[in-house]
Amino acid sequence: MYNYHDHSGVIHVHSTYSDGAKSVPYLINAANRAGCDYLILTDHDTMAAYKMEGQYKNTLFLVGEEITVKQEKGHYLGLNLKKTIPPVYGPQETIEQVNQQGGIGFMAHPDVRKGKLAPVTWADWTVEGFTGIEIWNYHHDWLENIKLKDLFSGLLKPDTFIEGPIPQTVQKWDELLTRKKVVGIGSVDAHDYFMSYQKMFKTIRNHILVPESLTYHPAGFLKNKKLIYQALQKGNCYLSYHYLANAGGFMFSAQNHHQEVIMGEELSLHKGVVVAVSSPRPCQLRIVKNQQCIARKNNTRSLIKKIEQPGAYRAEAYLRLNNYHERPWVFTNPIYITAN
């Protein structure tokens, strides 16, 4: 297999340009201390920090926008934009505004857990042209599971109140994947209210798989930026709960007699097609197609499955730490197996 480079960073962060508690320089320093290869700021309805994009020590700082859809019908993360998109458009128009700038976009916190107070969720699932959706939003996962009486312990041990992706969000993702390519990402949605930026930057990470390593020199900024957004657009990426363990080196691939591909890519169905998952540490590995787990193996670093039907196949990994039950750890983007 071609040697892909795995770089991890955080997406969906707010600064004082909108409703975040700290300045852009402060959160960039936090990202450096947390070991983020990249950081994508998405303040509400503004690209004011765009002029600050650049390489800061070992962290690439990029600026997008969390766009408010008209009449509170959703929030949309617009990335790789050049200018602010005002909050005056409906769902489809918002997506088109992002696409017109050559950007990519993801539906933010599209669902809420049953019976919980809702943030702004996504209202219109008939839209077309979007890149993907947030599968796991750390801020809302914690917020929706915390109660006032638990606030103190929730601040000391926030992981206690983390469940993982909302099941109906993952179900919606799998439903969409039966019809089109949809990239899944994770987000921190950090504001520095209850937890510091640095602490949140060590929770949900998005790992991009790129054909050449990112450089940490200002002269390589534009090339690095292009590599990051191309990987996110194609789905050459996976999300991980970095707090449990560093997932760097995780891989999901497929091969037939002619070629080998990774997550986010297509492969034609031929006799002998197999998908393979490899993990940097022992865990429970699963291969999923259309909401069904078609292969599972416990306490392993690898899992291989022969594929005989077309469809979107993705991988999940769960960790058991300190004798607790398996915790959600890694969700890859799909490999799309097409008919002959």
C-alpha atoms as a PDB file:
ATOM      1  CA  MET A   1       0.000   0.000   0.000  1.00  0.00           C
ATOM      2  CA  TYR A   2       1.043   3.562  -0.675  1.00  0.00           C
ATOM      3  CA  ASN A   3       2.528   5.152   2.436  1.00  0.00           C
ATOM      4  CA  TYR A   4      -0.079   7.576   3.778  1.00  0.00           C
ATOM      5  CA  HIS A   5       0.793  10.088   6.478  1.00  0.00           C
ATOM      6  CA  ASP A   6      -1.596  10.402   9.423  1.00  0.00           C
ATOM      7  CA  HIS A   7      -2.059  13.894  10.910  1.00  0.00           C
ATOM      8  CA  SER A   8      -4.654  14.733  13.559  1.00  0.00           C
ATOM      9  CA  GLY A   9      -6.349  18.007  14.419  1.00  0.00           C
ATOM     10  CA  VAL A  10      -9.530  19.599  15.709  1.00  0.00           C
ATOM     11  CA  ILE A  11     -12.532  21.074  13.906  1.00  0.00           C
ATOM     12  CA  HIS A  12     -15.331  23.367  15.132  1.00  0.00           C
ATOM     13  CA  VAL A  13     -13.833  25.885  17.554  1.00  0.00           C
ATOM     14  CA  HIS A  14     -15.073  29.320  18.656  1.00  0.00           C
ATOM     15  CA  SER A  15     -13.122  32.420  19.688  1.00  0.00           C
ATOM     16  CA  THR A  16     -14.024  35.896  20.945  1.00  0.00           C
ATOM     17  CA  TYR A  17     -14.927  36.783  17.362  1.00  0.00           C
ATOM     18  CA  SER A  18     -18.229  35.045  18.183  1.00  0.00           C
ATOM     19  CA  ASP A  19     -19.227  33.247  21.400  1.00  0.00           C
ATOM     20  CA  GLY A  20     -15.882  31.793  22.474  1.00  0.00           C
ATOM     21  CA  ALA A  21     -14.278  32.880  25.745  1.00  0.00           C
ATOM     22  CA  LYS A  22     -10.705  33.429  24.560  1.00  0.00           C
ATOM     23  CA  SER A  23      -8.813  35.130  21.736  1.00  0.00           C
ATOM     24  CA  VAL A  24      -7.435  33.460  18.619  1.00  0.00           C
ATOM     25  CA  PRO A  25      -3.778  33.643  19.793  1.00  0.00           C
ATOM     26  CA  TYR A  26      -4.805  31.982  23.059  1.00  0.00           C
ATOM     27  CA  LEU A  27      -6.511  29.032  21.363  1.00  0.00           C
ATOM     28  CA  ILE A  28      -3.653  28.606  18.863  1.00  0.00           C
ATOM     29  CA  ASN A  29      -1.261  28.277  21.803  1.00  0.00           C
ATOM     30  CA  ALA A  30      -3.646  25.768  23.375  1.00  0.00           C
ATOM     31  CA  ALA A  31      -3.629  23.730  20.157  1.00  0.00           C
ATOM     32  CA  ASN A  32       0.173  23.756  20.156  1.00  0.00           C
ATOM     33  CA  ARG A  33       0.286  22.539  23.738  1.00  0.00           C
ATOM     34  CA  ALA A  34      -2.291  19.833  22.979  1.00  0.00           C
ATOM     35  CA  GLY A  35      -0.217  18.562  20.049  1.00  0.00           C
ATOM     36  CA  CYS A  36      -2.703  19.377  17.266  1.00  0.00           C
ATOM     37  CA  ASP A  37      -1.288  19.241  13.750  1.00  0.00           C
ATOM     38  CA  TYR A  38      -4.065  21.554  12.582  1.00  0.00           C
ATOM     39  CA  LEU A  39      -6.892  23.628  14.057  1.00  0.00           C
ATOM     40  CA  ILE A  40      -9.958  24.834  12.148  1.00  0.00           C
ATOM     41  CA  LEU A  41     -11.757  27.815  13.699  1.00  0.00           C
ATOM     42  CA  THR A  42     -15.481  28.112  12.896  1.00  0.00           C
ATOM     43  CA  ASP A  43     -16.867  31.204  14.584  1.00  0.00           C
ATOM     44  CA  HIS A  44     -20.560  31.937  14.166  1.00  0.00           C
ATOM     45  CA  ASP A  45     -21.348  33.888  10.998  1.00  0.00           C
ATOM     46  CA  THR A  46     -17.944  35.521  10.607  1.00  0.00           C
ATOM     47  CA  MET A  47     -14.592  34.952   8.921  1.00  0.00           C
ATOM     48  CA  ALA A  48     -12.989  37.811  10.842  1.00  0.00           C
ATOM     49  CA  ALA A  49      -9.964  35.691  11.793  1.00  0.00           C
ATOM     50  CA  TYR A  50      -9.240  34.699   8.173  1.00  0.00           C
ATOM     51  CA  LYS A  51      -6.360  37.161   8.007  1.00  0.00           C
ATOM     52  CA  MET A  52      -4.651  35.217  10.800  1.00  0.00           C
ATOM     53  CA  GLU A  53      -4.464  31.905   8.933  1.00  0.00           C
ATOM     54  CA  GLY A  54      -0.988  30.436   8.918  1.00  0.00           C
ATOM     55  CA  GLN A  55       1.537  28.069  10.423  1.00  0.00           C
ATOM     56  CA  TYR A  56       2.103  28.575  14.158  1.00  0.00           C
ATOM     57  CA  LYS A  57       4.915  26.347  15.419  1.00  0.00           C
ATOM     58  CA  ASN A  58       3.639  22.797  14.843  1.00  0.00           C
ATOM     59  CA  THR A  59      -0.024  23.740  14.330  1.00  0.00           C
ATOM     60  CA  LEU A  60      -1.606  24.830  11.062  1.00  0.00           C
ATOM     61  CA  PHE A  61      -4.342  27.373  11.806  1.00  0.00           C
ATOM     62  CA  LEU A  62      -7.266  27.527   9.355  1.00  0.00           C
ATOM     63  CA  VAL A  63     -10.473  29.555   9.433  1.00  0.00           C
ATOM     64  CA  GLY A  64     -13.965  28.490   8.400  1.00  0.00           C
ATOM     65  CA  GLU A  65     -17.406  29.587   9.544  1.00  0.00           C
ATOM     66  CA  GLU A  66     -20.353  28.081  11.402  1.00  0.00           C
ATOM     67  CA  ILE A  67     -23.157  29.507   9.294  1.00  0.00           C
ATOM     68  CA  THR A  68     -26.576  29.971  10.862  1.00  0.00           C
ATOM     69  CA  VAL A  69     -29.281  28.783   8.497  1.00  0.00           C
ATOM     70  CA  LYS A  70     -32.250  31.140   8.188  1.00  0.00           C
ATOM     71  CA  GLN A  71     -35.025  30.620  10.751  1.00  0.00           C
ATOM     72  CA  GLU A  72     -32.703  28.480  12.901  1.00  0.00           C
ATOM     73  CA  LYS A  73     -33.092  25.493  10.578  1.00  0.00           C
ATOM     74  CA  GLY A  74     -29.553  24.348  11.198  1.00  0.00           C
ATOM     75  CA  HIS A  75     -25.898  25.242  11.514  1.00  0.00           C
ATOM     76  CA  TYR A  76     -23.513  24.500   8.668  1.00  0.00           C
ATOM     77  CA  LEU A  77     -19.731  24.366   8.940  1.00  0.00           C
ATOM     78  CA  GLY A  78     -18.301  26.050   5.851  1.00  0.00           C
ATOM     79  CA  LEU A  79     -14.597  25.287   5.360  1.00  0.00           C
ATOM     80  CA  ASN A  80     -12.054  26.522   2.822  1.00  0.00           C
ATOM     81  CA  LEU A  81     -13.979  29.760   2.380  1.00  0.00           C
ATOM     82  CA  LYS A  82     -12.629  33.146   1.332  1.00  0.00           C
ATOM     83  CA  LYS A  83     -15.310  35.412   2.771  1.00  0.00           C
ATOM     84  CA  THR A  84     -18.154  35.414   5.283  1.00  0.00           C
ATOM     85  CA  ILE A  85     -21.511  33.939   4.304  1.00  0.00           C
ATOM     86  CA  PRO A  86     -24.276  35.871   6.118  1.00  0.00           C
ATOM     87  CA  PRO A  87     -27.023  34.005   8.039  1.00  0.00           C
ATOM     88  CA  VAL A  88     -29.778  34.902   5.582  1.00  0.00           C
ATOM     89  CA  TYR A  89     -30.084  31.744   3.499  1.00  0.00           C
ATOM     90  CA  GLY A  90     -32.171  28.594   3.785  1.00  0.00           C
ATOM     91  CA  PRO A  91     -30.567  25.143   4.048  1.00  0.00           C
ATOM     92  CA  GLN A  92     -30.053  24.484   0.320  1.00  0.00           C
ATOM     93  CA  GLU A  93     -28.990  28.064  -0.398  1.00  0.00           C
ATOM     94  CA  THR A  94     -26.447  27.960   2.427  1.00  0.00           C
ATOM     95  CA  ILE A  95     -24.881  24.822   0.968  1.00  0.00           C
ATOM     96  CA  GLU A  96     -24.782  26.416  -2.475  1.00  0.00           C
ATOM     97  CA  GLN A  97     -23.134  29.568  -1.114  1.00  0.00           C
ATOM     98  CA  VAL A  98     -20.327  27.433   0.323  1.00  0.00           C
ATOM     99  CA  ASN A  99     -19.955  25.469  -2.917  1.00  0.00           C
ATOM    100  CA  GLN A 100     -19.781  28.675  -4.978  1.00  0.00           C
ATOM    101  CA  GLN A 101     -16.666  29.667  -3.058  1.00  0.00           C
ATOM    102  CA  GLY A 102     -15.082  26.279  -3.746  1.00  0.00           C
ATOM    103  CA  GLY A 103     -15.581  25.309  -0.119  1.00  0.00           C
ATOM    104  CA  ILE A 104     -16.722  22.162   1.622  1.00  0.00           C
ATOM    105  CA  GLY A 105     -19.437  21.902   4.251  1.00  0.00           C
ATOM    106  CA  PHE A 106     -20.693  19.771   7.112  1.00  0.00           C
ATOM    107  CA  MET A 107     -23.989  19.810   9.004  1.00  0.00           C
ATOM    108  CA  ALA A 108     -23.183  20.683  12.620  1.00  0.00           C
ATOM    109  CA  HIS A 109     -24.804  18.777  15.538  1.00  0.00           C
ATOM    110  CA  PRO A 110     -27.600  17.548  13.227  1.00  0.00           C
ATOM    111  CA  ASP A 111     -29.458  15.590  15.947  1.00  0.00           C
ATOM    112  CA  VAL A 112     -30.108  15.579  19.683  1.00  0.00           C
ATOM    113  CA  ARG A 113     -30.459  12.698  22.118  1.00  0.00           C
ATOM    114  CA  LYS A 114     -34.069  11.700  22.770  1.00  0.00           C
ATOM    115  CA  GLY A 115     -35.650  13.737  25.536  1.00  0.00           C
ATOM    116  CA  LYS A 116     -32.772  16.224  25.743  1.00  0.00           C
ATOM    117  CA  LEU A 117     -32.868  19.977  25.296  1.00  0.00           C
ATOM    118  CA  ALA A 118     -31.908  20.587  21.707  1.00  0.00           C
ATOM    119  CA  PRO A 119     -29.293  22.850  20.210  1.00  0.00           C
ATOM    120  CA  VAL A 120     -30.067  24.020  16.697  1.00  0.00           C
ATOM    121  CA  THR A 121     -30.459  20.760  14.759  1.00  0.00           C
ATOM    122  CA  TRP A 122     -30.614  20.178  11.012  1.00  0.00           C
ATOM    123  CA  ALA A 123     -34.161  20.551   9.668  1.00  0.00           C
ATOM    124  CA  ASP A 124     -34.023  19.681   5.957  1.00  0.00           C
ATOM    125  CA  TRP A 125     -32.648  16.313   4.851  1.00  0.00           C
ATOM    126  CA  THR A 126     -33.758  16.765   1.240  1.00  0.00           C
ATOM    127  CA  VAL A 127     -30.783  19.042   0.513  1.00  0.00           C
ATOM    128  CA  GLU A 128     -28.047  18.138  -1.955  1.00  0.00           C
ATOM    129  CA  GLY A 129     -24.439  19.158  -2.472  1.00  0.00           C
ATOM    130  CA  PHE A 130     -23.180  18.989   1.116  1.00  0.00           C
ATOM    131  CA  THR A 131     -19.872  17.277   1.895  1.00  0.00           C
ATOM    132  CA  GLY A 132     -20.828  15.556   5.123  1.00  0.00           C
ATOM    133  CA  ILE A 133     -22.106  15.697   8.675  1.00  0.00           C
ATOM    134  CA  GLU A 134     -20.774  15.828  12.213  1.00  0.00           C
ATOM    135  CA  ILE A 135     -20.999  12.299  13.578  1.00  0.00           C
ATOM    136  CA  TRP A 136     -19.767  13.111  17.074  1.00  0.00           C
ATOM    137  CA  ASN A 137     -19.927  16.545  18.745  1.00  0.00           C
ATOM    138  CA  TYR A 138     -18.035  16.406  22.048  1.00  0.00           C
ATOM    139  CA  HIS A 139     -19.484  19.606  23.530  1.00  0.00           C
ATOM    140  CA  HIS A 140     -23.086  18.485  23.059  1.00  0.00           C
ATOM    141  CA  ASP A 141     -22.338  14.907  24.081  1.00  0.00           C
ATOM    142  CA  TRP A 142     -21.112  16.172  27.463  1.00  0.00           C
ATOM    143  CA  LEU A 143     -23.697  18.928  27.823  1.00  0.00           C
ATOM    144  CA  GLU A 144     -26.663  16.675  27.082  1.00  0.00           C
ATOM    145  CA  ASN A 145     -25.576  14.078  29.661  1.00  0.00           C
ATOM    146  CA  ILE A 146     -24.715  16.423  32.515  1.00  0.00           C
ATOM    147  CA  LYS A 147     -27.166  17.475  35.224  1.00  0.00           C
ATOM    148  CA  LEU A 148     -26.823  20.415  37.568  1.00  0.00           C
ATOM    149  CA  LYS A 149     -26.140  18.152  40.550  1.00  0.00           C
ATOM    150  CA  ASP A 150     -23.316  16.488  38.552  1.00  0.00           C
ATOM    151  CA  LEU A 151     -21.647  19.694  37.380  1.00  0.00           C
ATOM    152  CA  PHE A 152     -18.714  19.570  39.807  1.00  0.00           C
ATOM    153  CA  SER A 153     -17.844  15.947  39.050  1.00  0.00           C
ATOM    154  CA  GLY A 154     -18.515  16.605  35.368  1.00  0.00           C
ATOM    155  CA  LEU A 155     -15.864  19.302  35.329  1.00  0.00           C
ATOM    156  CA  LEU A 156     -13.347  17.152  37.215  1.00  0.00           C
ATOM    157  CA  LYS A 157     -14.009  13.983  35.192  1.00  0.00           C
ATOM    158  CA  PRO A 158     -15.811  14.997  31.991  1.00  0.00           C
ATOM    159  CA  ASP A 159     -15.198  11.623  30.360  1.00  0.00           C
ATOM    160  CA  THR A 160     -17.664  10.092  32.827  1.00  0.00           C
ATOM    161  CA  PHE A 161     -20.469  11.854  30.952  1.00  0.00           C
ATOM    162  CA  ILE A 162     -19.352  11.023  27.413  1.00  0.00           C
ATOM    163  CA  GLU A 163     -21.399   8.381  25.568  1.00  0.00           C
ATOM    164  CA  GLY A 164     -20.281   8.659  21.953  1.00  0.00           C
ATOM    165  CA  PRO A 165     -22.077   9.542  18.723  1.00  0.00           C
ATOM    166  CA  ILE A 166     -25.854   9.944  18.913  1.00  0.00           C
ATOM    167  CA  PRO A 167     -27.315   6.694  17.509  1.00  0.00           C
ATOM    168  CA  GLN A 168     -29.821   8.447  15.240  1.00  0.00           C
ATOM    169  CA  THR A 169     -26.995  10.503  13.721  1.00  0.00           C
ATOM    170  CA  VAL A 170     -25.044   7.374  12.832  1.00  0.00           C
ATOM    171  CA  GLN A 171     -28.256   5.798  11.524  1.00  0.00           C
ATOM    172  CA  LYS A 172     -28.917   8.832   9.342  1.00  0.00           C
ATOM    173  CA  TRP A 173     -25.332   8.677   8.060  1.00  0.00           C
ATOM    174  CA  ASP A 174     -25.732   5.033   7.066  1.00  0.00           C
ATOM    175  CA  GLU A 175     -29.048   5.787   5.373  1.00  0.00           C
ATOM    176  CA  LEU A 176     -27.448   8.581   3.355  1.00  0.00           C
ATOM    177  CA  LEU A 177     -24.545   6.320   2.407  1.00  0.00           C
ATOM    178  CA  THR A 178     -26.906   3.978   0.588  1.00  0.00           C
ATOM    179  CA  ARG A 179     -27.513   6.794  -1.918  1.00  0.00           C
ATOM    180  CA  LYS A 180     -24.453   9.059  -1.989  1.00  0.00           C
ATOM    181  CA  LYS A 181     -21.015   9.767  -0.612  1.00  0.00           C
ATOM    182  CA  VAL A 182     -21.187  11.511   2.764  1.00  0.00           C
ATOM    183  CA  VAL A 183     -18.097  12.297   4.840  1.00  0.00           C
ATOM    184  CA  GLY A 184     -18.357  11.884   8.613  1.00  0.00           C
ATOM    185  CA  ILE A 185     -16.300  14.077  10.943  1.00  0.00           C
ATOM    186  CA  GLY A 186     -15.996  14.633  14.684  1.00  0.00           C
ATOM    187  CA  SER A 187     -15.876  17.987  16.421  1.00  0.00           C
ATOM    188  CA  VAL A 188     -15.009  19.549  19.748  1.00  0.00           C
ATOM    189  CA  ASP A 189     -17.321  22.589  19.427  1.00  0.00           C
ATOM    190  CA  ALA A 190     -15.020  24.316  21.915  1.00  0.00           C
ATOM    191  CA  HIS A 191     -15.927  27.618  23.607  1.00  0.00           C
ATOM    192  CA  ASP A 192     -13.733  27.458  26.745  1.00  0.00           C
ATOM    193  CA  TYR A 193     -16.780  27.821  29.002  1.00  0.00           C
ATOM    194  CA  PHE A 194     -16.754  24.685  31.141  1.00  0.00           C
ATOM    195  CA  MET A 195     -13.559  23.075  29.864  1.00  0.00           C
ATOM    196  CA  SER A 196     -10.389  24.709  28.634  1.00  0.00           C
ATOM    197  CA  TYR A 197      -9.474  24.707  24.972  1.00  0.00           C
ATOM    198  CA  GLN A 198      -6.393  22.628  25.708  1.00  0.00           C
ATOM    199  CA  LYS A 199      -8.417  19.952  27.493  1.00  0.00           C
ATOM    200  CA  MET A 200     -11.027  19.814  24.721  1.00  0.00           C
ATOM    201  CA  PHE A 201      -8.357  19.659  22.026  1.00  0.00           C
ATOM    202  CA  LYS A 202      -7.328  16.311  23.529  1.00  0.00           C
ATOM    203  CA  THR A 203     -10.778  14.770  23.048  1.00  0.00           C
ATOM    204  CA  ILE A 204     -12.234  14.378  19.529  1.00  0.00           C
ATOM    205  CA  ARG A 205      -9.657  14.391  16.755  1.00  0.00           C
ATOM    206  CA  ASN A 206      -9.996  14.146  12.986  1.00  0.00           C
ATOM    207  CA  HIS A 207      -7.133  12.203  11.407  1.00  0.00           C
ATOM    208  CA  ILE A 208      -6.389  13.016   7.788  1.00  0.00           C
ATOM    209  CA  LEU A 209      -4.518  10.562   5.565  1.00  0.00           C
ATOM    210  CA  VAL A 210      -2.359  12.424   3.062  1.00  0.00           C
ATOM    211  CA  PRO A 211       0.164  11.187   0.462  1.00  0.00           C
ATOM    212  CA  GLU A 212       2.916  13.454   1.788  1.00  0.00           C
ATOM    213  CA  SER A 213       3.644  14.710   5.267  1.00  0.00           C
ATOM    214  CA  LEU A 214       2.605  18.188   6.356  1.00  0.00           C
ATOM    215  CA  THR A 215       5.528  20.549   6.766  1.00  0.00           C
ATOM    216  CA  TYR A 216       5.943  22.910   9.702  1.00  0.00           C
ATOM    217  CA  HIS A 217       7.377  25.843   7.827  1.00  0.00           C
ATOM    218  CA  PRO A 218       5.433  28.969   6.799  1.00  0.00           C
ATOM    219  CA  ALA A 219       6.511  28.486   3.178  1.00  0.00           C
ATOM    220  CA  GLY A 220       4.512  25.249   3.057  1.00  0.00           C
ATOM    221  CA  PHE A 221       1.276  26.738   4.416  1.00  0.00           C
ATOM    222  CA  LEU A 222      -0.775  26.802   1.195  1.00  0.00           C
ATOM    223  CA  LYS A 223       0.287  23.280   0.256  1.00  0.00           C
ATOM    224  CA  ASN A 224      -0.577  21.995   3.737  1.00  0.00           C
ATOM    225  CA  LYS A 225      -3.953  23.749   3.635  1.00  0.00           C
ATOM    226  CA  LYS A 226      -4.767  22.112   0.310  1.00  0.00           C
ATOM    227  CA  LEU A 227      -3.790  18.654   1.581  1.00  0.00           C
ATOM    228  CA  ILE A 228      -5.998  18.982   4.672  1.00  0.00           C
ATOM    229  CA  TYR A 229      -9.097  20.139   2.818  1.00  0.00           C
ATOM    230  CA  GLN A 230      -8.654  17.584   0.033  1.00  0.00           C
ATOM    231  CA  ALA A 231      -8.517  14.768   2.600  1.00  0.00           C
ATOM    232  CA  LEU A 232     -11.623  16.043   4.386  1.00  0.00           C
ATOM    233  CA  GLN A 233     -13.509  16.481   1.116  1.00  0.00           C
ATOM    234  CA  LYS A 234     -12.660  13.004  -0.158  1.00  0.00           C
ATOM    235  CA  GLY A 235     -13.229  11.272   3.177  1.00  0.00           C
ATOM    236  CA  ASN A 236      -9.589  10.179   3.438  1.00  0.00           C
ATOM    237  CA  CYS A 237     -10.005  10.643   7.175  1.00  0.00           C
ATOM    238  CA  TYR A 238     -11.344   9.140  10.373  1.00  0.00           C
ATOM    239  CA  LEU A 239     -12.383  10.500  13.748  1.00  0.00           C
ATOM    240  CA  SER A 240     -11.119   9.276  17.102  1.00  0.00           C
ATOM    241  CA  TYR A 241     -11.728   9.822  20.796  1.00  0.00           C
ATOM    242  CA  HIS A 242      -8.149  10.862  21.464  1.00  0.00           C
ATOM    243  CA  TYR A 243      -8.760  11.053  25.217  1.00  0.00           C
ATOM    244  CA  LEU A 244      -8.881   7.243  25.420  1.00  0.00           C
ATOM    245  CA  ALA A 245      -5.770   6.658  23.321  1.00  0.00           C
ATOM    246  CA  ASN A 246      -3.924   8.064  20.348  1.00  0.00           C
ATOM    247  CA  ALA A 247      -5.337   6.343  17.257  1.00  0.00           C
ATOM    248  CA  GLY A 248      -2.532   7.483  14.954  1.00  0.00           C
ATOM    249  CA  GLY A 249      -1.722   4.741  12.459  1.00  0.00           C
ATOM    250  CA  PHE A 250      -5.255   3.312  12.313  1.00  0.00           C
ATOM    251  CA  MET A 251      -6.108   2.150   8.794  1.00  0.00           C
ATOM    252  CA  PHE A 252      -9.118   0.887   6.837  1.00  0.00           C
ATOM    253  CA  SER A 253      -8.413  -0.343   3.306  1.00  0.00           C
ATOM    254  CA  ALA A 254      -9.756  -2.601   0.573  1.00  0.00           C
ATOM    255  CA  GLN A 255      -8.261  -4.420  -2.385  1.00  0.00           C
ATOM    256  CA  ASN A 256      -9.205  -6.463  -5.417  1.00  0.00           C
ATOM    257  CA  HIS A 257      -6.911  -8.110  -7.953  1.00  0.00           C
ATOM    258  CA  HIS A 258      -6.056  -4.776  -9.547  1.00  0.00           C
ATOM    259  CA  GLN A 259      -5.875  -2.090  -6.904  1.00  0.00           C
ATOM    260  CA  GLU A 260      -5.875  -1.119  -3.241  1.00  0.00           C
ATOM    261  CA  VAL A 261      -7.762   1.846  -1.776  1.00  0.00           C
ATOM    262  CA  ILE A 262      -8.327   3.511   1.594  1.00  0.00           C
ATOM    263  CA  MET A 263     -11.299   5.070   3.367  1.00  0.00           C
ATOM    264  CA  GLY A 264     -13.128   7.628   1.234  1.00  0.00           C
ATOM    265  CA  GLU A 265     -12.309   5.915  -2.054  1.00  0.00           C
ATOM    266  CA  GLU A 266     -14.076   3.585  -4.504  1.00  0.00           C
ATOM    267  CA  LEU A 267     -13.206   0.055  -5.535  1.00  0.00           C
ATOM    268  CA  SER A 268     -14.874  -2.079  -8.176  1.00  0.00           C
ATOM    269  CA  LEU A 269     -16.342  -5.357  -6.967  1.00  0.00           C
ATOM    270  CA  HIS A 270     -14.357  -8.298  -8.274  1.00  0.00           C
ATOM    271  CA  LYS A 271     -14.012 -11.835  -7.059  1.00  0.00           C
ATOM    272  CA  GLY A 272     -11.655 -11.805  -4.107  1.00  0.00           C
ATOM    273  CA  VAL A 273     -12.350  -8.268  -2.811  1.00  0.00           C
ATOM    274  CA  VAL A 274     -11.447  -7.908   0.863  1.00  0.00           C
ATOM    275  CA  VAL A 275     -11.560  -5.033   3.341  1.00  0.00           C
ATOM    276  CA  ALA A 276      -9.028  -4.824   6.153  1.00  0.00           C
ATOM    277  CA  VAL A 277      -8.859  -2.885   9.410  1.00  0.00           C
ATOM    278  CA  SER A 278      -5.651  -2.404  11.374  1.00  0.00           C
ATOM    279  CA  SER A 279      -5.263  -0.723  14.754  1.00  0.00           C
ATOM    280  CA  PRO A 280      -2.198   0.560  16.623  1.00  0.00           C
ATOM    281  CA  ARG A 281      -3.423  -1.208  19.777  1.00  0.00           C
ATOM    282  CA  PRO A 282      -5.693  -4.145  20.678  1.00  0.00           C
ATOM    283  CA  CYS A 283      -9.382  -3.257  20.648  1.00  0.00           C
ATOM    284  CA  GLN A 284     -12.759  -4.465  19.436  1.00  0.00           C
ATOM    285  CA  LEU A 285     -12.924  -3.959  15.678  1.00  0.00           C
ATOM    286  CA  ARG A 286     -16.123  -3.877  13.633  1.00  0.00           C
ATOM    287  CA  ILE A 287     -16.950  -3.600   9.944  1.00  0.00           C
ATOM    288  CA  VAL A 288     -20.323  -1.998   9.280  1.00  0.00           C
ATOM    289  CA  LYS A 289     -22.550  -1.786   6.224  1.00  0.00           C
ATOM    290  CA  ASN A 290     -25.952  -0.064   6.215  1.00  0.00           C
ATOM    291  CA  GLN A 291     -26.378  -0.111  10.028  1.00  0.00           C
ATOM    292  CA  GLN A 292     -25.401  -3.788  10.237  1.00  0.00           C
ATOM    293  CA  CYS A 293     -22.205  -5.075  11.812  1.00  0.00           C
ATOM    294  CA  ILE A 294     -21.006  -7.689   9.317  1.00  0.00           C
ATOM    295  CA  ALA A 295     -17.738  -8.588  11.078  1.00  0.00           C
ATOM    296  CA  ARG A 296     -16.458  -8.221  14.632  1.00  0.00           C
ATOM    297  CA  LYS A 297     -13.394  -9.319  16.555  1.00  0.00           C
ATOM    298  CA  ASN A 298     -12.401  -8.607  20.159  1.00  0.00           C
ATOM    299  CA  ASN A 299      -8.976  -7.750  21.582  1.00  0.00           C
ATOM    300  CA  THR A 300      -7.307  -7.603  18.192  1.00  0.00           C
ATOM    301  CA  ARG A 301      -5.192  -5.315  16.054  1.00  0.00           C
ATOM    302  CA  SER A 302      -6.605  -6.504  12.716  1.00  0.00           C
ATOM    303  CA  LEU A 303      -9.792  -7.658  11.028  1.00  0.00           C
ATOM    304  CA  ILE A 304     -10.275  -8.865   7.457  1.00  0.00           C
ATOM    305  CA  LYS A 305     -13.570  -9.505   5.666  1.00  0.00           C
ATOM    306  CA  LYS A 306     -14.301 -10.809   2.167  1.00  0.00           C
ATOM    307  CA  ILE A 307     -16.840  -8.607   0.363  1.00  0.00           C
ATOM    308  CA  GLU A 308     -19.377  -9.985  -2.109  1.00  0.00           C
ATOM    309  CA  GLN A 309     -21.933  -7.163  -2.381  1.00  0.00           C
ATOM    310  CA  PRO A 310     -21.589  -3.507  -3.428  1.00  0.00           C
ATOM    311  CA  GLY A 311     -22.170  -0.822  -0.825  1.00  0.00           C
ATOM    312  CA  ALA A 312     -20.549   1.588   1.614  1.00  0.00           C
ATOM    313  CA  TYR A 313     -18.414  -0.216   4.180  1.00  0.00           C
ATOM    314  CA  ARG A 314     -16.884   1.515   7.190  1.00  0.00           C
ATOM    315  CA  ALA A 315     -14.971   0.498  10.315  1.00  0.00           C
ATOM    316  CA  GLU A 316     -15.436   1.184  14.017  1.00  0.00           C
ATOM    317  CA  ALA A 317     -13.170   0.499  16.988  1.00  0.00           C
ATOM    318  CA  TYR A 318     -13.999   0.235  20.696  1.00  0.00           C
ATOM    319  CA  LEU A 319     -11.595   0.232  23.637  1.00  0.00           C
ATOM    320  CA  ARG A 320     -12.014  -1.473  26.993  1.00  0.00           C
ATOM    321  CA  LEU A 321      -9.972   0.386  29.626  1.00  0.00           C
ATOM    322  CA  ASN A 322      -9.712  -0.294  33.354  1.00  0.00           C
ATOM    323  CA  ASN A 323     -12.221  -3.160  33.103  1.00  0.00           C
ATOM    324  CA  TYR A 324     -15.002  -0.878  31.870  1.00  0.00           C
ATOM    325  CA  HIS A 325     -17.248  -1.757  28.941  1.00  0.00           C
ATOM    326  CA  GLU A 326     -16.062  -1.064  25.411  1.00  0.00           C
ATOM    327  CA  ARG A 327     -15.941   2.681  24.710  1.00  0.00           C
ATOM    328  CA  PRO A 328     -16.363   4.252  21.248  1.00  0.00           C
ATOM    329  CA  TRP A 329     -12.883   5.096  19.966  1.00  0.00           C
ATOM    330  CA  VAL A 330     -12.610   5.242  16.151  1.00  0.00           C
ATOM    331  CA  PHE A 331     -15.098   5.769  13.300  1.00  0.00           C
ATOM    332  CA  THR A 332     -13.681   5.650   9.788  1.00  0.00           C
ATOM    333  CA  ASN A 333     -15.172   7.000   6.626  1.00  0.00           C
ATOM    334  CA  PRO A 334     -16.522   4.408   4.192  1.00  0.00           C
ATOM    335  CA  ILE A 335     -14.939   2.591   1.322  1.00  0.00           C
ATOM    336  CA  TYR A 336     -17.419   2.512  -1.557  1.00  0.00           C
ATOM    337  CA  ILE A 337     -17.546  -0.886  -3.258  1.00  0.00           C
ATOM    338  CA  THR A 338     -19.198  -0.501  -6.650  1.00  0.00           C
ATOM    339  CA  ALA A 339     -20.747  -3.117  -8.929  1.00  0.00           C
ATOM    340  CA  ASN A 340     -18.609  -4.599 -11.706  1.00  0.00           C
END
